[in-house]
Structure formats: C-alpha cells, structure tokens
N, C-alpha and C. Protein backbone atom coordinates (compact mmCIF):
# COMPACT_ATOMS: atom_id res chain seq x y z
N MET A 1 -34.05 -23.37 28.19
CA MET A 1 -34.24 -22.15 27.53
C MET A 1 -35.01 -21.66 27.11
N THR A 2 -35.57 -20.44 27.56
CA THR A 2 -36.93 -19.70 26.99
C THR A 2 -36.60 -18.91 26.04
N LYS A 3 -37.74 -18.07 25.28
CA LYS A 3 -37.49 -17.07 24.54
C LYS A 3 -37.26 -15.65 25.17
N ASN A 4 -36.99 -15.64 26.50
CA ASN A 4 -36.44 -14.41 27.06
C ASN A 4 -34.87 -14.41 27.33
N THR A 5 -34.43 -15.96 27.59
CA THR A 5 -33.30 -15.86 28.14
C THR A 5 -32.36 -16.67 27.25
N ILE A 6 -31.46 -16.25 26.78
CA ILE A 6 -30.40 -17.14 26.22
C ILE A 6 -28.96 -17.24 26.37
N PRO A 7 -28.31 -18.45 26.96
CA PRO A 7 -27.07 -18.08 27.80
C PRO A 7 -25.87 -17.83 27.06
N VAL A 8 -25.18 -16.98 27.73
CA VAL A 8 -23.84 -16.43 27.17
C VAL A 8 -23.22 -17.89 26.52
N GLY A 9 -22.38 -17.46 25.54
CA GLY A 9 -21.80 -18.99 24.99
C GLY A 9 -22.42 -19.70 23.84
N THR A 10 -23.87 -19.38 24.04
CA THR A 10 -24.67 -20.11 22.99
C THR A 10 -24.37 -19.99 21.62
N GLN A 11 -24.41 -20.53 20.92
CA GLN A 11 -23.96 -20.59 19.31
C GLN A 11 -24.91 -20.88 18.55
N PHE A 12 -25.30 -19.94 17.37
CA PHE A 12 -25.95 -20.21 16.34
C PHE A 12 -25.28 -19.68 15.28
N GLY A 13 -24.69 -20.94 14.37
CA GLY A 13 -24.21 -20.85 13.27
C GLY A 13 -22.89 -20.32 13.58
N GLN A 14 -22.34 -18.98 12.96
CA GLN A 14 -21.32 -18.55 13.25
C GLN A 14 -21.37 -17.78 14.30
N LEU A 15 -22.42 -17.29 14.93
CA LEU A 15 -22.87 -16.21 15.85
C LEU A 15 -22.60 -17.08 17.25
N THR A 16 -21.94 -16.24 18.19
CA THR A 16 -21.60 -16.57 19.64
C THR A 16 -22.23 -15.70 20.56
N VAL A 17 -23.18 -15.82 21.66
CA VAL A 17 -23.83 -14.84 22.28
C VAL A 17 -22.81 -14.66 23.47
N LEU A 18 -22.20 -13.17 23.37
CA LEU A 18 -21.50 -12.46 24.08
C LEU A 18 -21.99 -12.18 25.63
N ALA A 19 -23.58 -11.15 25.69
CA ALA A 19 -24.24 -10.85 26.66
C ALA A 19 -25.37 -10.65 26.15
N ARG A 20 -26.40 -10.20 27.22
CA ARG A 20 -27.58 -9.95 27.06
C ARG A 20 -27.89 -8.36 27.36
N LEU A 21 -28.49 -7.85 26.47
CA LEU A 21 -28.87 -6.11 26.55
C LEU A 21 -29.97 -5.59 27.41
N ASP A 22 -29.80 -4.59 27.75
CA ASP A 22 -30.97 -4.26 28.45
C ASP A 22 -32.07 -3.84 27.74
N ARG A 23 -31.82 -3.66 26.49
CA ARG A 23 -32.91 -3.13 25.53
C ARG A 23 -33.58 -4.48 24.74
N LYS A 24 -35.22 -4.28 25.00
CA LYS A 24 -35.73 -5.46 24.06
C LYS A 24 -36.88 -5.32 23.27
N SER A 25 -37.30 -5.76 22.30
CA SER A 25 -38.59 -5.59 21.71
C SER A 25 -39.62 -6.38 22.25
N GLY A 26 -40.46 -5.77 23.15
CA GLY A 26 -41.59 -6.57 23.69
C GLY A 26 -41.02 -7.43 24.70
N ARG A 27 -41.63 -8.70 24.38
CA ARG A 27 -40.56 -9.59 26.07
C ARG A 27 -39.56 -10.13 24.68
N ASN A 28 -38.83 -9.60 24.07
CA ASN A 28 -37.65 -10.24 23.57
C ASN A 28 -36.40 -9.37 24.09
N TYR A 29 -35.30 -9.78 24.30
CA TYR A 29 -33.87 -8.83 24.66
C TYR A 29 -33.21 -9.18 23.46
N TYR A 30 -32.42 -8.00 23.26
CA TYR A 30 -31.47 -8.14 22.15
C TYR A 30 -30.13 -8.63 22.81
N TYR A 31 -29.43 -9.17 22.05
CA TYR A 31 -27.87 -10.09 22.41
C TYR A 31 -27.01 -9.10 21.83
N ARG A 32 -25.79 -9.01 22.34
CA ARG A 32 -24.44 -8.90 21.49
C ARG A 32 -24.02 -9.99 21.39
N CYS A 33 -23.72 -10.14 19.98
CA CYS A 33 -23.10 -11.60 19.57
C CYS A 33 -21.71 -11.53 18.53
N ARG A 34 -20.96 -12.21 18.61
CA ARG A 34 -19.45 -12.29 17.86
C ARG A 34 -19.92 -13.35 16.82
N CYS A 35 -19.48 -12.89 15.58
CA CYS A 35 -19.41 -13.47 14.49
C CYS A 35 -17.73 -14.20 14.08
N SER A 36 -18.07 -15.49 13.56
CA SER A 36 -16.56 -16.14 13.84
C SER A 36 -16.10 -15.90 12.29
N CYS A 37 -16.42 -15.23 11.38
CA CYS A 37 -16.24 -14.75 10.32
C CYS A 37 -14.49 -14.27 10.66
N LYS A 38 -14.09 -13.88 9.44
CA LYS A 38 -12.67 -13.20 9.64
C LYS A 38 -12.64 -11.94 9.94
N SER A 39 -13.77 -11.21 10.05
CA SER A 39 -13.78 -9.47 10.61
C SER A 39 -14.32 -9.73 11.77
N ASN A 40 -14.40 -10.91 12.46
CA ASN A 40 -14.90 -11.23 14.20
C ASN A 40 -15.98 -9.74 14.38
N ARG A 41 -16.93 -9.62 13.21
CA ARG A 41 -17.63 -8.51 13.96
C ARG A 41 -18.47 -8.98 15.02
N GLU A 42 -19.01 -8.00 15.64
CA GLU A 42 -19.94 -7.69 16.93
C GLU A 42 -20.95 -7.15 16.44
N ILE A 43 -22.26 -7.68 16.61
CA ILE A 43 -23.69 -7.13 16.27
C ILE A 43 -24.54 -7.27 17.42
N GLU A 44 -25.64 -6.58 17.17
CA GLU A 44 -26.66 -6.68 18.25
C GLU A 44 -27.99 -7.34 17.68
N VAL A 45 -28.45 -8.64 18.10
CA VAL A 45 -29.61 -9.47 17.55
C VAL A 45 -30.57 -9.49 18.61
N GLN A 46 -31.48 -9.57 17.91
CA GLN A 46 -32.99 -9.81 18.67
C GLN A 46 -32.94 -11.46 19.11
N GLY A 47 -33.17 -11.74 20.22
CA GLY A 47 -33.22 -12.87 20.31
C GLY A 47 -34.03 -13.96 19.98
N THR A 48 -35.15 -13.15 19.03
CA THR A 48 -36.35 -14.16 18.58
C THR A 48 -35.83 -14.60 17.25
N HIS A 49 -34.84 -13.57 16.74
CA HIS A 49 -34.08 -14.05 15.43
C HIS A 49 -33.22 -15.06 15.67
N LEU A 50 -32.34 -15.10 16.64
CA LEU A 50 -31.50 -16.28 16.75
C LEU A 50 -32.41 -17.24 16.73
N LEU A 51 -33.55 -17.63 17.88
CA LEU A 51 -34.27 -18.64 18.12
C LEU A 51 -34.87 -19.27 16.92
N HIS A 52 -35.59 -18.19 16.30
CA HIS A 52 -36.80 -18.78 15.29
C HIS A 52 -36.54 -18.22 13.83
N SER A 53 -35.37 -16.91 13.52
CA SER A 53 -35.56 -16.80 12.33
C SER A 53 -34.38 -16.93 11.44
N GLY A 54 -33.40 -17.90 12.13
CA GLY A 54 -32.01 -18.68 11.76
C GLY A 54 -31.09 -17.81 11.22
N GLN A 55 -30.98 -16.65 12.02
CA GLN A 55 -30.17 -15.90 11.63
C GLN A 55 -28.63 -16.48 12.11
N LYS A 56 -27.82 -16.86 11.61
CA LYS A 56 -26.49 -17.37 11.91
C LYS A 56 -25.04 -16.50 11.65
N SER A 57 -25.07 -15.38 10.89
CA SER A 57 -23.95 -14.92 11.04
C SER A 57 -24.30 -13.00 11.36
N CYS A 58 -23.11 -12.52 10.85
CA CYS A 58 -23.28 -11.21 11.11
C CYS A 58 -23.83 -10.42 9.54
N GLY A 59 -24.03 -11.26 8.55
CA GLY A 59 -24.60 -11.12 7.50
C GLY A 59 -23.76 -11.28 6.42
N CYS A 60 -22.27 -12.14 6.66
CA CYS A 60 -21.23 -12.38 5.84
C CYS A 60 -22.03 -13.64 5.03
N LEU A 61 -22.81 -14.22 5.32
CA LEU A 61 -22.96 -15.79 4.80
C LEU A 61 -24.00 -15.62 3.74
N ARG A 62 -25.19 -14.19 4.11
CA ARG A 62 -25.80 -13.59 2.97
C ARG A 62 -25.32 -12.99 2.00
N LEU A 63 -24.27 -12.26 2.36
CA LEU A 63 -23.76 -11.53 1.50
C LEU A 63 -22.90 -12.38 0.30
N THR A 64 -22.17 -13.48 1.09
CA THR A 64 -21.25 -14.46 0.11
C THR A 64 -22.11 -14.73 -0.70
N HIS A 65 -23.33 -15.81 -0.39
CA HIS A 65 -24.50 -16.36 -1.09
C HIS A 65 -24.91 -15.40 -2.26
N THR A 66 -25.64 -14.30 -1.86
CA THR A 66 -26.07 -13.35 -2.89
C THR A 66 -24.97 -12.99 -3.81
N HIS A 67 -23.92 -12.79 -3.59
CA HIS A 67 -22.59 -12.05 -4.44
C HIS A 67 -21.86 -12.79 -5.15
N LYS A 68 -22.30 -14.47 -4.85
CA LYS A 68 -21.62 -15.22 -5.32
C LYS A 68 -21.04 -15.56 -6.72
N ALA A 69 -21.76 -14.87 -7.67
CA ALA A 69 -21.67 -15.12 -9.13
C ALA A 69 -21.01 -13.70 -9.36
N ASP A 70 -20.61 -13.07 -8.45
CA ASP A 70 -20.11 -11.39 -8.68
C ASP A 70 -18.88 -10.91 -8.55
N PRO A 71 -17.70 -11.24 -9.06
CA PRO A 71 -16.62 -11.16 -8.72
C PRO A 71 -16.41 -9.78 -7.93
N SER A 72 -17.04 -8.70 -8.87
CA SER A 72 -16.82 -7.32 -8.11
C SER A 72 -17.00 -7.23 -6.80
N GLN A 73 -18.38 -7.87 -6.24
CA GLN A 73 -18.41 -8.00 -4.90
C GLN A 73 -17.53 -8.73 -3.91
N ARG A 74 -17.17 -9.93 -4.57
CA ARG A 74 -16.13 -10.52 -3.70
C ARG A 74 -14.82 -9.74 -3.51
N ARG A 75 -14.35 -9.38 -4.68
CA ARG A 75 -12.94 -8.42 -4.46
C ARG A 75 -13.19 -7.09 -3.27
N LEU A 76 -14.61 -6.64 -3.31
CA LEU A 76 -15.03 -5.31 -2.29
C LEU A 76 -15.01 -6.32 -0.97
N ARG A 77 -15.41 -7.01 -0.66
CA ARG A 77 -15.28 -7.94 0.55
C ARG A 77 -14.15 -8.36 0.97
N THR A 78 -13.25 -8.63 -0.27
CA THR A 78 -11.84 -9.11 0.21
C THR A 78 -10.86 -7.81 0.66
N ALA A 79 -10.98 -6.78 -0.10
CA ALA A 79 -10.47 -5.39 0.45
C ALA A 79 -10.94 -5.08 2.06
N TRP A 80 -12.30 -5.29 2.21
CA TRP A 80 -12.92 -4.82 3.59
C TRP A 80 -12.19 -5.55 4.49
N TYR A 81 -12.14 -6.89 4.13
CA TYR A 81 -11.56 -8.17 5.19
C TYR A 81 -9.85 -7.40 5.61
N HIS A 82 -9.35 -7.04 4.36
CA HIS A 82 -7.63 -6.88 4.90
C HIS A 82 -7.83 -5.64 5.46
N MET A 83 -8.49 -4.84 4.99
CA MET A 83 -8.57 -3.24 5.47
C MET A 83 -8.78 -3.77 7.18
N ILE A 84 -9.66 -4.31 7.43
CA ILE A 84 -10.08 -4.75 8.91
C ILE A 84 -8.59 -5.38 9.68
N ASN A 85 -8.50 -6.30 8.73
CA ASN A 85 -7.24 -7.58 9.81
C ASN A 85 -5.91 -6.53 9.81
N ARG A 86 -5.43 -5.78 9.11
CA ARG A 86 -4.16 -5.08 8.89
C ARG A 86 -4.55 -3.76 9.82
N CYS A 87 -5.36 -3.54 10.48
CA CYS A 87 -5.47 -1.97 11.36
C CYS A 87 -5.89 -2.55 12.65
N SER A 88 -6.37 -4.03 12.98
CA SER A 88 -7.22 -4.51 14.34
C SER A 88 -6.39 -5.89 14.56
N LYS A 89 -5.76 -6.39 13.73
CA LYS A 89 -5.17 -7.95 14.18
C LYS A 89 -3.66 -8.09 14.48
N PRO A 90 -3.44 -7.81 15.54
CA PRO A 90 -1.97 -7.94 15.57
C PRO A 90 -1.15 -9.19 15.09
N ASN A 91 -1.99 -10.25 14.82
CA ASN A 91 -1.28 -11.34 14.16
C ASN A 91 -1.06 -11.05 12.86
N ASP A 92 -1.71 -10.26 12.10
CA ASP A 92 -2.02 -10.21 10.81
C ASP A 92 -0.36 -9.70 10.13
N LYS A 93 0.09 -9.76 8.98
CA LYS A 93 1.56 -9.77 8.47
C LYS A 93 1.80 -8.24 8.54
N ASP A 94 0.52 -7.22 8.11
CA ASP A 94 1.03 -6.23 8.16
C ASP A 94 0.34 -5.20 9.17
N TYR A 95 0.26 -5.77 10.04
CA TYR A 95 -0.57 -5.11 11.25
C TYR A 95 0.78 -3.76 11.82
N ARG A 96 2.01 -4.05 12.15
CA ARG A 96 2.96 -2.94 12.36
C ARG A 96 2.87 -2.26 11.47
N ASN A 97 2.53 -1.96 10.24
CA ASN A 97 2.54 -1.01 9.26
C ASN A 97 1.28 0.14 9.29
N TYR A 98 0.35 -0.60 10.13
CA TYR A 98 -1.27 -0.24 9.79
C TYR A 98 -1.44 0.19 11.24
N GLY A 99 -2.49 -0.69 11.85
CA GLY A 99 -2.85 -0.64 13.12
C GLY A 99 -1.53 -0.40 14.17
N GLY A 100 -0.69 -1.06 13.86
CA GLY A 100 0.68 -0.98 15.18
C GLY A 100 1.50 0.82 15.00
N ARG A 101 1.12 1.35 13.98
CA ARG A 101 1.16 2.86 14.13
C ARG A 101 0.28 3.89 14.11
N GLY A 102 -0.63 3.17 14.78
CA GLY A 102 -1.95 4.17 15.34
C GLY A 102 -3.35 4.28 14.03
N ILE A 103 -3.03 3.59 12.88
CA ILE A 103 -3.98 3.87 11.63
C ILE A 103 -5.43 2.76 11.96
N THR A 104 -6.53 3.71 11.85
CA THR A 104 -7.83 3.24 12.59
C THR A 104 -8.41 3.31 11.03
N ILE A 105 -9.67 2.70 11.38
CA ILE A 105 -11.11 2.62 10.32
C ILE A 105 -12.23 3.32 11.07
N CYS A 106 -12.83 4.36 10.27
CA CYS A 106 -13.86 4.87 10.49
C CYS A 106 -15.10 3.81 11.36
N ALA A 107 -15.89 4.22 11.81
CA ALA A 107 -16.87 3.31 12.83
C ALA A 107 -17.77 2.87 11.38
N GLU A 108 -18.21 3.98 10.77
CA GLU A 108 -19.13 3.69 9.49
C GLU A 108 -18.71 2.23 8.79
N TRP A 109 -17.40 2.31 8.17
CA TRP A 109 -16.84 1.46 7.68
C TRP A 109 -16.43 0.08 8.40
N LEU A 110 -15.88 -0.06 9.65
CA LEU A 110 -15.63 -1.04 10.54
C LEU A 110 -16.60 -1.62 10.78
N HIS A 111 -17.96 -1.41 11.00
CA HIS A 111 -18.94 -2.30 11.35
C HIS A 111 -20.03 -2.46 10.34
N ASP A 112 -19.96 -1.89 8.97
CA ASP A 112 -20.99 -2.11 8.19
C ASP A 112 -20.11 -2.31 6.78
N PHE A 113 -20.22 -3.54 6.33
CA PHE A 113 -19.90 -3.64 5.01
C PHE A 113 -20.65 -3.03 3.97
N ASN A 114 -21.89 -2.85 4.04
CA ASN A 114 -22.29 -2.36 2.87
C ASN A 114 -22.53 -0.98 2.86
N ALA A 115 -22.23 -0.27 4.00
CA ALA A 115 -21.53 1.12 3.96
C ALA A 115 -20.31 1.19 3.35
N PHE A 116 -19.42 0.56 3.42
CA PHE A 116 -18.00 0.43 2.76
C PHE A 116 -18.51 0.21 1.39
N LYS A 117 -19.07 -0.79 0.91
CA LYS A 117 -19.35 -1.15 -0.31
C LYS A 117 -20.20 0.00 -1.32
N ASP A 118 -20.92 1.02 -0.89
CA ASP A 118 -21.58 1.69 -1.08
C ASP A 118 -20.70 3.12 -1.25
N TRP A 119 -19.97 3.33 -0.65
CA TRP A 119 -18.76 4.59 -0.82
C TRP A 119 -17.98 3.88 -2.03
N ALA A 120 -17.49 2.56 -1.94
CA ALA A 120 -16.44 2.08 -3.03
C ALA A 120 -17.35 2.10 -4.58
N LEU A 121 -18.55 1.78 -4.48
CA LEU A 121 -19.22 2.13 -5.98
C LEU A 121 -19.54 2.96 -6.64
N ALA A 122 -19.83 4.24 -5.45
CA ALA A 122 -19.90 5.43 -5.82
C ALA A 122 -18.56 6.34 -6.37
N ASN A 123 -17.28 5.67 -5.63
CA ASN A 123 -16.15 6.47 -6.08
C ASN A 123 -15.22 5.72 -6.72
N GLY A 124 -15.56 5.19 -7.65
CA GLY A 124 -14.46 4.63 -8.48
C GLY A 124 -13.90 3.55 -8.52
N HIS A 125 -14.75 2.31 -7.82
CA HIS A 125 -14.13 0.90 -7.79
C HIS A 125 -14.47 0.39 -8.98
N GLN A 126 -13.41 -0.31 -9.28
CA GLN A 126 -13.16 -1.28 -10.59
C GLN A 126 -12.48 -2.32 -10.72
N GLU A 127 -12.12 -3.28 -11.62
CA GLU A 127 -11.31 -4.16 -11.29
C GLU A 127 -9.82 -3.50 -11.90
N GLY A 128 -8.75 -3.90 -10.78
CA GLY A 128 -7.41 -3.38 -11.25
C GLY A 128 -7.02 -2.29 -10.44
N LEU A 129 -7.88 -1.80 -9.46
CA LEU A 129 -7.53 -0.92 -8.53
C LEU A 129 -7.63 -1.42 -7.23
N SER A 130 -6.94 -0.56 -6.30
CA SER A 130 -7.32 -1.32 -4.81
C SER A 130 -7.31 -0.12 -4.04
N LEU A 131 -7.78 -0.44 -2.63
CA LEU A 131 -7.90 0.67 -1.86
C LEU A 131 -6.41 1.64 -1.43
N ASP A 132 -6.73 2.89 -1.23
CA ASP A 132 -5.33 3.51 -1.06
C ASP A 132 -6.03 4.55 -0.27
N ARG A 133 -5.07 5.21 0.92
CA ARG A 133 -5.30 5.98 1.47
C ARG A 133 -4.22 7.52 0.96
N ILE A 134 -5.01 8.61 0.88
CA ILE A 134 -4.42 9.66 0.21
C ILE A 134 -3.23 10.15 0.91
N ASP A 135 -3.73 10.34 2.13
CA ASP A 135 -2.43 10.70 3.38
C ASP A 135 -2.60 9.58 3.87
N ASN A 136 -0.69 9.07 3.61
CA ASN A 136 -0.60 7.93 4.17
C ASN A 136 -0.39 7.49 5.56
N ASP A 137 -0.12 8.73 6.65
CA ASP A 137 -0.33 8.55 7.88
C ASP A 137 -1.88 8.85 8.29
N GLY A 138 -2.93 8.73 7.19
CA GLY A 138 -4.13 9.18 7.99
C GLY A 138 -4.99 7.80 8.16
N ASN A 139 -6.28 8.04 8.50
CA ASN A 139 -6.99 6.83 8.93
C ASN A 139 -7.52 6.53 7.67
N TYR A 140 -8.44 5.14 7.82
CA TYR A 140 -9.14 4.60 6.55
C TYR A 140 -10.84 5.23 6.81
N THR A 141 -11.00 6.42 6.12
CA THR A 141 -12.20 7.38 6.25
C THR A 141 -12.77 7.67 4.59
N PRO A 142 -13.73 7.89 4.43
CA PRO A 142 -14.25 8.40 3.02
C PRO A 142 -13.72 9.10 2.27
N ASP A 143 -12.86 10.49 3.18
CA ASP A 143 -12.36 11.31 2.75
C ASP A 143 -10.70 11.24 2.51
N ASN A 144 -10.70 10.17 2.93
CA ASN A 144 -9.16 10.08 2.73
C ASN A 144 -8.78 8.57 2.19
N CYS A 145 -9.42 7.97 1.26
CA CYS A 145 -9.33 6.77 0.63
C CYS A 145 -9.84 7.18 -1.09
N ARG A 146 -9.38 6.01 -1.46
CA ARG A 146 -9.51 6.29 -3.24
C ARG A 146 -9.20 5.27 -3.85
N TRP A 147 -9.84 5.07 -5.00
CA TRP A 147 -9.13 3.70 -5.43
C TRP A 147 -8.08 4.15 -6.55
N ALA A 148 -6.91 3.11 -6.40
CA ALA A 148 -5.78 3.49 -7.08
C ALA A 148 -5.08 2.44 -7.77
N THR A 149 -4.14 2.53 -8.86
CA THR A 149 -3.58 1.54 -9.52
C THR A 149 -2.10 1.20 -8.89
N ASN A 150 -1.74 0.34 -9.04
CA ASN A 150 -0.38 -0.24 -8.44
C ASN A 150 0.71 0.85 -8.21
N ALA A 151 0.66 1.70 -9.42
CA ALA A 151 2.07 2.56 -9.92
C ALA A 151 1.30 3.98 -8.60
N GLN A 152 0.21 4.11 -8.71
CA GLN A 152 -0.09 5.32 -8.01
C GLN A 152 0.01 4.78 -6.34
N GLN A 153 -0.32 3.81 -5.79
CA GLN A 153 0.03 3.31 -4.47
C GLN A 153 1.45 3.38 -4.24
N SER A 154 2.47 2.89 -5.36
CA SER A 154 3.91 2.50 -5.00
C SER A 154 4.10 3.81 -4.48
N ARG A 155 3.81 4.90 -5.19
CA ARG A 155 4.18 6.31 -4.98
C ARG A 155 3.83 6.91 -3.81
N ASN A 156 2.79 6.27 -3.00
CA ASN A 156 2.15 6.91 -1.95
C ASN A 156 2.61 6.32 -0.75
N THR A 157 3.93 5.52 -0.72
CA THR A 157 4.16 4.96 0.46
C THR A 157 4.88 5.92 1.14
N ARG A 158 5.54 5.58 2.77
CA ARG A 158 6.07 6.14 3.12
C ARG A 158 7.85 6.27 2.99
N ARG A 159 8.10 5.14 2.07
CA ARG A 159 9.55 4.82 1.98
C ARG A 159 9.70 5.89 0.67
N VAL A 160 8.94 6.43 -0.09
CA VAL A 160 9.42 7.08 -1.48
C VAL A 160 9.65 8.45 -0.91
N ARG A 161 10.65 8.79 -1.66
CA ARG A 161 11.29 10.05 -1.55
C ARG A 161 10.69 11.42 -2.40
N ARG A 162 10.25 12.51 -1.68
CA ARG A 162 9.36 13.41 -2.46
C ARG A 162 10.42 14.68 -2.52
N ILE A 163 10.36 15.40 -3.56
CA ILE A 163 11.11 16.46 -3.85
C ILE A 163 10.43 17.40 -4.06
N THR A 164 10.90 18.97 -3.75
CA THR A 164 10.09 19.74 -4.06
C THR A 164 11.03 20.96 -5.15
N ALA A 165 10.44 21.36 -6.25
CA ALA A 165 10.98 22.16 -7.53
C ALA A 165 9.93 22.83 -7.67
N PHE A 166 10.30 24.20 -8.24
CA PHE A 166 9.26 25.17 -8.96
C PHE A 166 8.05 25.37 -7.96
N GLY A 167 8.52 24.89 -6.56
CA GLY A 167 7.16 25.42 -6.14
C GLY A 167 6.03 23.90 -5.59
N GLU A 168 6.31 22.86 -6.27
CA GLU A 168 5.56 21.81 -6.62
C GLU A 168 6.37 20.78 -5.86
N THR A 169 5.83 19.60 -5.06
CA THR A 169 6.46 18.41 -4.11
C THR A 169 6.06 17.26 -5.05
N LYS A 170 6.67 16.46 -5.43
CA LYS A 170 6.40 15.19 -5.85
C LYS A 170 7.44 14.17 -5.88
N THR A 171 6.87 13.03 -6.43
CA THR A 171 7.83 12.00 -6.31
C THR A 171 8.77 11.76 -7.19
N LEU A 172 9.99 11.21 -7.45
CA LEU A 172 10.85 11.21 -8.66
C LEU A 172 10.48 10.71 -9.71
N SER A 173 9.48 9.64 -9.79
CA SER A 173 8.82 9.03 -11.02
C SER A 173 7.93 10.02 -11.43
N GLU A 174 7.19 10.61 -10.68
CA GLU A 174 6.28 11.53 -11.11
C GLU A 174 7.03 12.83 -11.71
N TRP A 175 7.91 13.37 -11.41
CA TRP A 175 8.71 14.33 -11.89
C TRP A 175 9.33 14.00 -13.34
N ALA A 176 9.66 12.68 -13.50
CA ALA A 176 10.40 12.04 -14.27
C ALA A 176 9.36 11.94 -15.33
N GLU A 177 7.63 12.05 -15.38
CA GLU A 177 6.87 12.18 -16.35
C GLU A 177 6.24 13.53 -16.24
N ASP A 178 6.83 14.37 -16.00
CA ASP A 178 6.29 15.83 -15.91
C ASP A 178 7.14 16.11 -17.17
N PRO A 179 6.12 17.26 -18.12
CA PRO A 179 6.60 17.57 -19.25
C PRO A 179 7.80 18.37 -19.50
N ARG A 180 8.17 18.93 -18.42
CA ARG A 180 9.18 19.85 -18.32
C ARG A 180 10.64 18.92 -18.09
N CYS A 181 10.48 17.75 -17.86
CA CYS A 181 11.65 16.86 -17.96
C CYS A 181 12.10 16.20 -18.83
N GLN A 182 13.84 16.80 -19.13
CA GLN A 182 13.97 16.69 -20.54
C GLN A 182 14.84 15.19 -20.53
N VAL A 183 15.08 14.26 -19.30
CA VAL A 183 15.39 12.87 -19.83
C VAL A 183 14.57 11.94 -18.91
N SER A 184 14.95 10.82 -19.39
CA SER A 184 14.47 9.45 -18.46
C SER A 184 14.35 9.62 -16.84
N TYR A 185 13.78 8.28 -16.37
CA TYR A 185 13.59 8.06 -15.04
C TYR A 185 15.07 7.91 -14.64
N SER A 186 15.80 7.24 -15.68
CA SER A 186 17.34 6.44 -14.77
C SER A 186 18.16 7.41 -15.23
N ILE A 187 18.24 8.24 -15.77
CA ILE A 187 18.85 9.34 -15.85
C ILE A 187 18.76 10.26 -14.99
N LEU A 188 17.58 10.90 -14.68
CA LEU A 188 17.24 11.85 -13.67
C LEU A 188 17.71 10.97 -12.15
N HIS A 189 17.28 9.89 -11.71
CA HIS A 189 17.66 9.37 -10.78
C HIS A 189 19.31 8.91 -10.46
N GLN A 190 20.13 9.09 -11.67
CA GLN A 190 21.31 8.93 -11.40
C GLN A 190 22.07 10.31 -10.88
N ARG A 191 21.50 11.14 -11.64
CA ARG A 191 21.85 12.83 -11.92
C ARG A 191 21.94 13.17 -10.00
N ILE A 192 20.61 12.82 -9.86
CA ILE A 192 20.58 13.30 -8.19
C ILE A 192 21.24 12.24 -7.16
N THR A 193 21.07 10.94 -7.46
CA THR A 193 21.78 10.24 -6.37
C THR A 193 23.22 9.75 -6.40
N THR A 194 23.52 9.93 -7.50
CA THR A 194 24.93 9.36 -7.77
C THR A 194 25.75 10.74 -8.07
N LEU A 195 25.36 11.59 -9.16
CA LEU A 195 26.52 12.85 -9.16
C LEU A 195 25.71 14.01 -8.58
N GLY A 196 24.95 14.16 -7.92
CA GLY A 196 25.07 15.19 -7.13
C GLY A 196 24.37 16.26 -7.45
N TRP A 197 23.68 16.33 -8.65
CA TRP A 197 23.07 17.37 -9.42
C TRP A 197 22.11 18.11 -8.59
N ASP A 198 22.20 19.55 -9.34
CA ASP A 198 20.79 20.36 -8.24
C ASP A 198 19.71 20.05 -9.25
N PHE A 199 18.81 19.61 -8.38
CA PHE A 199 17.42 18.74 -9.09
C PHE A 199 17.08 19.38 -10.26
N GLU A 200 16.86 21.06 -9.95
CA GLU A 200 15.90 21.78 -11.18
C GLU A 200 16.57 21.41 -12.41
N ALA A 201 18.18 21.70 -12.26
CA ALA A 201 19.19 21.59 -13.48
C ALA A 201 19.14 20.23 -13.82
N ALA A 202 18.88 19.21 -12.99
CA ALA A 202 18.81 17.69 -13.42
C ALA A 202 17.54 17.44 -14.34
N LEU A 203 16.60 18.14 -13.83
CA LEU A 203 15.21 18.01 -14.58
C LEU A 203 15.24 18.49 -15.98
N LEU A 204 15.96 19.88 -15.90
CA LEU A 204 15.71 20.82 -17.26
C LEU A 204 16.91 20.38 -18.54
N ILE A 205 17.90 20.04 -17.91
CA ILE A 205 19.25 20.12 -18.90
C ILE A 205 18.84 18.52 -19.50
N GLY A 206 19.21 18.67 -20.96
CA GLY A 206 18.96 17.65 -22.10
C GLY A 206 20.13 16.26 -21.74
N LYS A 207 19.91 15.18 -22.24
CA LYS A 207 20.46 13.84 -21.87
C LYS A 207 22.09 14.17 -22.22
N HIS A 208 22.41 15.06 -23.21
CA HIS A 208 23.85 15.09 -23.53
C HIS A 208 24.36 16.36 -23.11
N GLU A 209 23.52 17.17 -22.58
CA GLU A 209 24.36 18.73 -22.08
C GLU A 209 24.90 17.97 -20.48
N ARG A 210 25.55 19.23 -20.29
CA ARG A 210 26.34 19.31 -18.94
C ARG A 210 25.99 20.78 -18.02
N PRO A 211 25.39 20.52 -17.12
CA PRO A 211 25.14 21.55 -15.91
C PRO A 211 26.56 22.72 -16.30
N ARG A 212 26.10 24.28 -16.46
CA ARG A 212 27.02 25.08 -16.58
C ARG A 212 27.46 25.72 -15.21
N LEU A 213 28.69 25.51 -15.34
CA LEU A 213 29.77 26.03 -14.17
C LEU A 213 29.14 27.41 -13.71
N LYS A 214 29.19 27.89 -12.33
CA LYS A 214 28.46 29.19 -12.19
C LYS A 214 30.03 30.03 -12.29
N ALA A 215 30.04 31.03 -12.71
CA ALA A 215 31.20 32.17 -12.91
C ALA A 215 31.95 32.35 -11.28
N ALA A 216 33.27 32.07 -11.36
CA ALA A 216 33.97 32.42 -10.33
C ALA A 216 33.74 33.97 -9.74
C-alpha cells in the first residue's frame, strides 16, 4: 500500500474505504468512506489522514469523547441518531411512520451533526423537550422543527382530531384549555363524541346547563 493508493474495503477504525475519488491534495487522493456508527455516515477523507493522522471515524468518536461529561450533548446526539434512523433505516421500528411515508432530512443535518447541534442550541433545546416537526407531514428542516414538550408532541400527531370553531382550528385538548371553554376536557369530549352536541355549544355552555332547543 502506498500513500497514493488505498484499496477499497480497507478499514481504519470505524471507517471502511468505499472508493477513491478523482480529487486530491498534492499527491494525496481523497477517499469516500463509510463509518460503522449508528448513522452509517459517508464522508470524504484525505488518504494521508487515514494513513498518518489516525482518523478512525466520521467524527462520532471525537464528539462522544469530547462531550462525555455533558448530558446535553449526549441527548442531542441521541436525538440526531433517532431522527436519521427512523427516516432512512427500513429496519427501524418507527420507519413506516417516517421514511416509509416520505419524510426526509435536510442535507445540512443529515451529513453534519454539528450543524444540527448548532441549530438545536440556538432554538430552545433543553432537558425535557424533544424534537418535533411543526407540520407533521413535512420534513426535518430548520424551518419545520422545534423543541416541544410531550404534551405538545401528542397534540401534533396524525391521529389527533382537530376541530374548527370561531374561525380557529385546535385539538380538543387545546380547546379544553381555551378561556372560552366552560367545562372540563372529559365533559367536552363526552358532549362531542357521545351526546352529539354542536361543538360551539359544547364549549360555551356550563356544566349544569343544557343546550336550548331551537324554536319550531
């Protein structure tokens, strides 16, 4: 093996050489390599870095070591892995609800954990929140993502029924928290699903009142 040629299939730590690229720096070619970490990232690495600089991963080993004592960084990396797996790995348990129905990840995040991390830290990431898409049918992009509570996420699934009243559309639980609602969520739910009340009446009429009958 010379510094100008590294055979396909050669392994350097977690990196496996897939192909030699046409571009080079001086006499050193660049190689496309795949990392064996959970993201299976493919990166372009200068041959001399593989042979002499000790590069052994896509950057995941360095990040894991650097942030070993920082739980926030570990949570972010876990969120990044899970986002990639559910959108690109058919054997992931959640794939059918994400990648299986066409949900994708923007190239910026897909290929660069640091870009995802920088966005997360600048956009409200904190303990107790998880990554959520604002438009549940949209992709993972900076414009369509936020850090949300479990309650916010549960309201933003495809299975949640949304109801329009007074020109506004909300989930039933959001309507129950609206200042105009005169009853609890359970009573509101019963009036709509079991008793068949008009929604605005179900919302505005007090617990012990009954809807007025229309004049014949």
